[in-house]
Protein backbone atom coordinates (compact mmCIF):
# COMPACT_ATOMS: atom_id res chain seq x y z
CA MET A 1 96.09 89.29 97.86
CA GLU A 2 97.61 92.67 96.97
CA LEU A 3 95.79 94.92 94.52
CA TRP A 4 97.24 97.83 92.54
CA ASN A 5 95.63 100.74 90.73
CA VAL A 6 96.40 100.67 87.01
CA TYR A 7 97.79 103.78 85.27
CA ASP A 8 98.34 104.51 81.60
CA LYS A 9 101.66 105.67 80.14
CA TYR A 10 100.83 109.28 80.97
CA ARG A 11 100.27 108.41 84.64
CA HIS A 12 96.52 108.81 84.39
CA LYS A 13 94.78 106.51 86.84
CA THR A 14 92.37 104.18 85.07
CA ASP A 15 89.31 102.53 86.58
CA ARG A 16 91.01 99.12 86.43
CA ILE A 17 92.70 97.12 89.19
CA HIS A 18 95.62 94.69 88.90
CA GLU A 19 96.32 91.72 91.17
CA ARG A 20 99.97 91.40 92.14
CA GLY A 21 101.56 88.27 90.73
CA GLN A 22 99.50 88.32 87.56
CA GLU A 23 101.01 89.41 84.27
CA MET A 24 100.32 93.07 83.52
CA LYS A 25 98.82 93.98 80.17
CA PRO A 26 101.01 95.87 77.68
CA GLY A 27 100.74 99.61 78.33
CA ASP A 28 99.54 99.18 81.92
CA HIS A 29 101.56 100.74 84.72
CA HIS A 30 101.51 100.76 88.51
CA LEU A 31 103.05 103.00 91.16
CA VAL A 32 106.20 102.16 93.13
CA VAL A 33 108.09 104.19 95.76
CA HIS A 34 111.68 104.18 96.99
CA VAL A 35 112.41 106.12 100.18
CA TRP A 36 115.85 107.50 101.02
CA ILE A 37 116.17 108.82 104.58
CA VAL A 38 119.11 111.18 105.15
CA ASN A 39 120.20 112.45 108.57
CA ASP A 40 121.82 115.74 109.57
CA ASP A 41 125.27 114.19 109.11
CA GLY A 42 124.55 113.42 105.47
CA GLN A 43 124.31 109.69 106.08
CA TYR A 44 121.74 107.43 104.40
CA LEU A 45 119.63 104.89 106.26
CA ILE A 46 119.97 101.66 104.29
CA GLN A 47 118.61 98.16 104.73
CA ARG A 48 119.81 94.72 103.65
CA ARG A 49 117.25 92.52 101.98
CA GLN A 50 116.63 89.03 103.32
CA PRO A 51 118.42 86.23 101.39
CA TRP A 52 115.11 84.66 100.38
CA LYS A 53 113.78 87.83 98.76
CA ILE A 54 113.01 87.58 95.04
CA GLY A 55 115.07 90.17 93.24
CA PHE A 56 118.44 91.27 94.63
CA PRO A 57 118.48 88.87 97.61
CA ASN A 58 120.87 89.68 100.47
CA MET A 59 121.79 93.02 98.86
CA TRP A 60 121.69 96.48 100.41
CA ASP A 61 118.87 98.79 99.41
CA CYS A 62 117.40 102.21 100.22
CA SER A 63 115.57 102.89 103.51
CA ALA A 64 112.27 101.38 102.35
CA ALA A 65 110.52 100.54 99.09
CA GLY A 66 107.48 98.88 97.62
CA SER A 67 104.42 99.09 95.42
CA ALA A 68 101.52 101.39 96.16
CA VAL A 69 98.44 99.34 96.99
CA MET A 70 94.97 100.17 95.72
CA GLY A 71 93.92 103.58 97.02
CA ASP A 72 97.46 104.71 97.89
CA ASP A 73 98.92 107.85 96.45
CA SER A 74 102.71 108.22 96.39
CA GLU A 75 102.94 109.89 99.78
CA GLN A 76 100.72 107.33 101.48
CA ALA A 77 102.74 104.50 99.95
CA ALA A 78 106.03 106.00 101.18
CA VAL A 79 104.71 106.42 104.73
CA ARG A 80 103.22 102.91 104.79
CA GLU A 81 106.34 101.18 103.43
CA ALA A 82 108.60 102.91 105.97
CA LYS A 83 106.29 101.86 108.80
CA GLU A 84 105.97 98.28 107.59
CA GLU A 85 109.62 97.61 106.73
CA ILE A 86 111.59 99.52 109.38
CA GLY A 87 108.89 100.48 111.89
CA ILE A 88 109.23 104.27 111.87
CA ASP A 89 106.80 107.12 111.34
CA LEU A 90 108.14 108.90 108.30
CA ASP A 91 108.29 112.70 108.71
CA ILE A 92 106.81 113.24 105.27
CA GLU A 93 106.63 117.02 105.73
CA LYS A 94 110.41 116.97 105.44
CA GLY A 95 110.23 114.89 102.29
CA GLU A 96 109.99 115.50 98.57
CA VAL A 97 109.83 113.42 95.41
CA ILE A 98 113.16 114.29 93.83
CA PHE A 99 112.58 112.37 90.60
CA THR A 100 110.59 109.53 89.09
CA VAL A 101 111.91 106.57 87.13
CA LYS A 102 109.56 105.27 84.47
CA PHE A 103 110.04 101.56 83.85
CA SER A 104 108.28 99.15 81.52
CA GLN A 105 105.40 98.50 83.91
CA GLY A 106 105.24 101.51 86.16
CA PHE A 107 106.37 104.74 87.74
CA ASP A 108 108.91 104.67 90.58
CA ASP A 109 108.79 107.80 92.75
CA ILE A 110 112.08 108.42 94.55
CA TRP A 111 111.47 110.11 97.91
CA LEU A 112 114.10 112.03 99.85
CA VAL A 113 113.23 112.52 103.52
CA ARG A 114 115.55 114.40 105.88
CA GLN A 115 115.02 112.78 109.26
CA ASN A 116 117.16 111.70 112.20
CA VAL A 117 116.39 108.17 113.34
CA GLY A 118 118.18 106.06 115.94
CA ILE A 119 119.02 102.53 114.81
CA GLU A 120 117.66 101.33 118.14
CA GLU A 121 114.28 102.84 117.23
CA LEU A 122 113.87 100.62 114.17
CA GLN A 123 111.54 97.64 114.14
CA LEU A 124 112.62 95.57 111.17
CA GLN A 125 110.10 93.48 109.27
CA GLU A 126 111.67 90.03 109.53
CA GLU A 127 110.13 88.78 106.28
CA GLU A 128 111.70 91.61 104.31
CA VAL A 129 114.67 93.17 106.13
CA ALA A 130 117.77 91.44 107.51
CA GLU A 131 119.49 94.49 109.02
CA ALA A 132 119.79 98.27 108.73
CA ARG A 133 122.53 100.83 109.24
CA TRP A 134 123.63 104.36 108.38
CA ALA A 135 126.10 104.78 105.51
CA SER A 136 127.87 107.69 103.83
CA GLU A 137 127.81 108.45 100.12
CA GLU A 138 131.34 107.08 99.82
CA GLU A 139 130.40 103.85 101.57
CA ILE A 140 127.37 103.34 99.33
CA ARG A 141 129.41 103.91 96.18
CA GLU A 142 131.99 101.39 97.42
CA MET A 143 129.24 98.86 98.19
CA VAL A 144 127.87 99.29 94.68
CA GLU A 145 131.33 98.71 93.21
CA ASN A 146 131.69 95.55 95.31
CA GLY A 147 128.31 94.20 94.19
CA GLU A 148 126.80 94.50 97.66
CA PHE A 149 124.28 97.27 96.87
CA ILE A 150 121.52 97.33 94.26
CA PRO A 151 123.11 99.24 91.33
CA PHE A 152 120.46 101.89 90.77
CA ASN A 153 121.01 104.08 87.72
CA TYR A 154 120.35 107.29 89.60
CA PHE A 155 123.04 107.53 92.29
CA ASP A 156 124.71 110.55 90.69
CA GLN A 157 121.40 112.44 90.58
CA LEU A 158 120.47 111.35 94.10
CA PHE A 159 123.70 112.50 95.69
CA GLU A 160 123.72 115.73 93.67
CA ILE A 161 120.23 116.65 94.87
CA VAL A 162 120.94 115.69 98.48
CA ASN A 163 123.97 118.01 98.46
CA SER A 164 122.20 120.83 96.61
CA PRO A 165 120.96 123.93 98.47
CA ILE A 166 117.84 123.82 96.25
CA SER A 167 114.72 121.85 97.10
CA LEU A 168 111.15 121.73 95.81
CA GLN A 169 108.27 121.51 98.26
CA GLU A 170 104.75 121.00 96.98
CA ALA A 171 102.59 123.96 97.97
CA SER A 172 98.99 123.93 99.15
CA LEU A 173 96.16 126.44 99.19
CA GLU A 174 97.35 127.50 102.64
CA ASP A 175 100.45 128.93 100.93
CA ALA A 176 98.44 131.01 98.43
CA GLU A 177 98.74 134.35 100.19
CA GLU A 178 102.50 134.06 100.61
CA LEU A 179 103.05 132.85 97.06
CA LEU A 180 100.84 135.52 95.48
CA ALA A 181 102.85 138.17 97.33
CA LEU A 182 106.05 136.57 96.01
CA GLN A 183 104.67 136.54 92.46
CA ARG A 184 103.77 140.22 92.66
CA GLU A 185 107.24 141.10 93.95
CA VAL A 186 108.94 139.14 91.16
CA PHE A 187 106.80 140.59 88.35
CA MET A 188 106.51 144.19 89.55
CA PRO A 189 109.58 145.39 87.55
CA LEU A 190 108.11 143.85 84.37
CA TYR A 191 104.70 145.35 85.10
CA GLU A 192 106.22 148.81 85.48
CA LYS A 193 108.21 148.28 82.28
CA TYR A 194 105.48 146.93 80.01
CA LYS A 195 102.25 148.29 81.58
CA ASP A 196 100.43 145.03 80.83
CA HIS A 197 97.51 145.84 83.12
CA GLU A 198 95.19 143.08 81.93
CA THR A 199 97.64 140.18 81.79
CA SER A 200 100.32 140.86 84.39
CA PRO A 201 100.69 138.39 87.28
CA VAL A 202 100.92 141.51 89.47
CA THR A 203 97.24 142.30 88.95
CA GLN A 204 96.02 138.73 89.38
CA THR A 205 93.27 138.32 91.95
CA MET A 206 93.52 135.85 94.81
CA GLU A 207 90.53 133.97 93.41
CA ARG A 208 92.20 133.43 90.05
CA PHE A 209 95.58 132.73 91.61
CA SER A 210 94.12 130.10 93.96
CA ALA A 211 92.60 128.24 91.02
CA ARG A 212 96.02 126.98 89.95
CA PHE A 213 96.16 124.75 93.04
CA LYS A 214 93.38 122.71 91.46
CA ARG A 215 95.35 122.14 88.26
CA GLY A 216 98.68 120.38 88.24
CA GLU A 217 101.26 120.94 90.96
CA TYR A 218 102.54 124.15 92.48
CA TYR A 219 105.97 124.03 94.14
CA LYS A 220 107.79 126.33 96.52
CA ILE A 221 111.44 126.69 95.54
CA LEU A 222 113.66 126.71 98.62
CA PHE A 223 117.29 127.79 98.67
CA GLU A 224 119.15 126.78 101.82
CA GLY A 225 115.76 126.31 103.45
CA MET A 226 114.49 129.81 102.57
CA LEU A 227 111.68 130.58 100.14
CA ALA A 228 113.39 131.74 96.95
CA GLY A 229 110.63 131.31 94.38
CA SER A 230 107.86 129.13 93.04
CA VAL A 231 106.92 127.16 89.95
CA HIS A 232 103.61 125.84 88.60
CA VAL A 233 103.38 122.77 86.36
CA TYR A 234 100.33 121.20 84.74
CA GLU A 235 99.44 118.81 81.95
CA LYS A 236 98.23 120.74 78.92
CA SER A 237 97.46 117.56 76.97
CA PRO A 238 98.56 113.92 77.28
CA GLY A 239 102.35 113.92 77.05
CA LEU A 240 102.63 117.74 76.99
CA LEU A 241 103.57 119.45 80.26
CA LYS A 242 103.26 123.19 80.74
CA LEU A 243 105.88 125.07 82.75
CA HIS A 244 103.29 127.70 83.51
CA ILE A 245 105.17 130.20 85.60
CA ILE A 246 108.51 130.25 87.38
CA ASN A 247 109.26 133.00 89.91
CA ILE A 248 112.70 133.62 91.41
CA LEU A 249 113.18 136.51 93.86
CA GLU A 250 115.81 139.00 92.71
CA LYS A 251 118.19 138.34 95.61
CA TYR A 252 118.41 134.71 94.48
CA HIS A 253 119.27 135.50 90.85
CA ASN A 254 122.55 134.26 89.33
CA LYS A 255 122.65 131.13 91.49
CA GLY A 256 121.55 128.71 88.76
CA ILE A 257 118.24 128.07 90.51
CA ALA A 258 115.91 128.29 87.50
CA GLN A 259 118.13 126.02 85.41
CA GLU A 260 118.36 123.37 88.13
CA VAL A 261 114.62 123.52 88.84
CA MET A 262 113.77 123.05 85.15
CA LYS A 263 116.09 120.05 84.88
CA ARG A 264 114.68 118.54 88.05
CA LEU A 265 111.10 118.93 86.84
CA GLU A 266 111.95 116.94 83.72
CA LEU A 267 113.24 114.16 85.99
CA MET A 268 110.08 114.31 88.08
CA TYR A 269 107.73 113.92 85.11
CA PRO A 270 109.16 111.18 82.85
CA GLU A 271 105.71 110.72 81.28
CA ALA A 272 106.23 114.04 79.48
CA GLU A 273 107.05 113.79 75.80
CA ALA A 274 107.39 117.57 75.52
CA TRP A 275 107.45 120.72 77.67
CA GLU A 276 106.04 124.13 76.82
CA LEU A 277 106.42 127.63 78.30
CA ASP A 278 105.68 131.25 77.44
CA THR A 279 107.90 134.28 77.93
CA ILE A 280 108.35 137.89 76.84
CA LEU A 281 110.07 138.37 73.48
CA THR A 282 112.25 141.27 74.61
CA GLU A 283 113.44 139.62 77.84
CA GLU A 284 116.59 138.31 76.18
CA ARG A 285 118.06 136.84 79.35
CA ASN A 286 115.09 134.55 79.84
CA CYS A 287 115.04 133.59 76.16
CA TYR A 288 118.74 132.73 76.32
CA LEU A 289 118.16 130.48 79.35
CA TYR A 290 115.30 128.59 77.71
CA GLU A 291 117.19 128.12 74.48
CA LYS A 292 120.21 126.93 76.46
CA MET A 293 117.92 124.36 78.11
CA GLY A 294 116.90 123.04 74.69
CA TYR A 295 113.64 124.94 74.10
CA LYS A 296 112.78 126.19 70.62
CA ARG A 297 110.32 128.87 69.52
CA THR A 298 107.07 127.52 68.10
CA GLY A 299 106.07 130.66 66.22
CA GLU A 300 102.95 131.09 68.36
CA ASP A 301 103.24 134.77 69.31
CA LYS A 302 100.70 136.94 71.11
CA VAL A 303 100.90 140.73 71.04
CA ILE A 304 99.85 142.20 74.40
CA ASN A 305 100.59 145.85 73.58
CA LYS A 306 103.02 147.85 71.44
CA ASP A 307 105.91 147.07 73.79
CA MET A 308 105.16 143.52 74.77
CA THR A 309 104.81 140.26 72.84
CA ILE A 310 104.49 136.83 74.44
CA ILE A 311 106.27 134.02 72.60
CA ARG A 312 105.97 130.27 73.11
CA TYR A 313 108.79 127.77 73.47
CA ARG A 314 108.66 123.98 73.32
CA LYS A 315 111.16 121.25 74.16
CA ASN A 316 110.46 117.81 72.73
CA SER A 317 113.89 116.21 72.61
CA GLY A 318 116.83 115.83 74.93
CA LEU A 319 114.58 115.62 77.98
CA SER A 320 116.29 114.62 81.23
CA LYS A 321 115.20 111.09 82.14
CA ILE A 322 116.62 108.26 84.22
CA GLU A 323 116.78 104.78 82.75
CA SER A 324 115.43 101.97 84.90
CA LEU A 325 117.43 98.92 85.87
């Protein structure tokens, strides 16, 4: 008997448990993971489902997939499914959730893990997996066209992210010192310009800065494997996500990083019905970017001093989401 934790539509874990095979109640959701392993040659480790499998029998699929069992978080589910189905220890430190697909009864986290694995190392679960191989993007697209591969609705996004120099890595408290230093470097020109001594991220204490790791998720933004910035996201209220702060080091400006990160965050949080952020009124470049991304001013302004006013933006339509099969 397999048991699942039950989530609501905002991905809040409830205190209820669901037994697999039973009909889920309307509004109940559970957690699913799909793992895509990519090697240094840009090939994808794929598996063919056994012909007796319910749902897409005998078709090719991602590296591993399945439902999170009771007590699993997304990472634990990804590691467990890879071990069970293809017999490898997933190098999860080289992985990231690149987006999440919300379907009628759950949330499907799509994991990208960059890892080299020899086919001879695999131990295939006979009940689930018929065979496995490496395949290029072109081969997968051709297999989809021929009806041999499960026709996921996210291949364009998957391949775009795999080929992008930008990645998001969830940060931990151990990264606090490095990320606070980055924040101070990014905001120092604004601090010198506006003299906002009480509110500037430059003057933030380590104690206050570290508190954000307890609320929402904090990500390191990597560009070609190098730390280029950071972004903090948290739920302000059910359905409303706050893009709290996004830092991009000056040498990484004009590379489209902030725009891509914002789009990717929308894909990672499909439970969001709206996004909100704050910025400085007179920083026209930032305002232009947010308005280009579909954000609109709410009219909630806060005067910090005679030279500086913080304005609020919200986006509640045109959010980037991926439709489920």
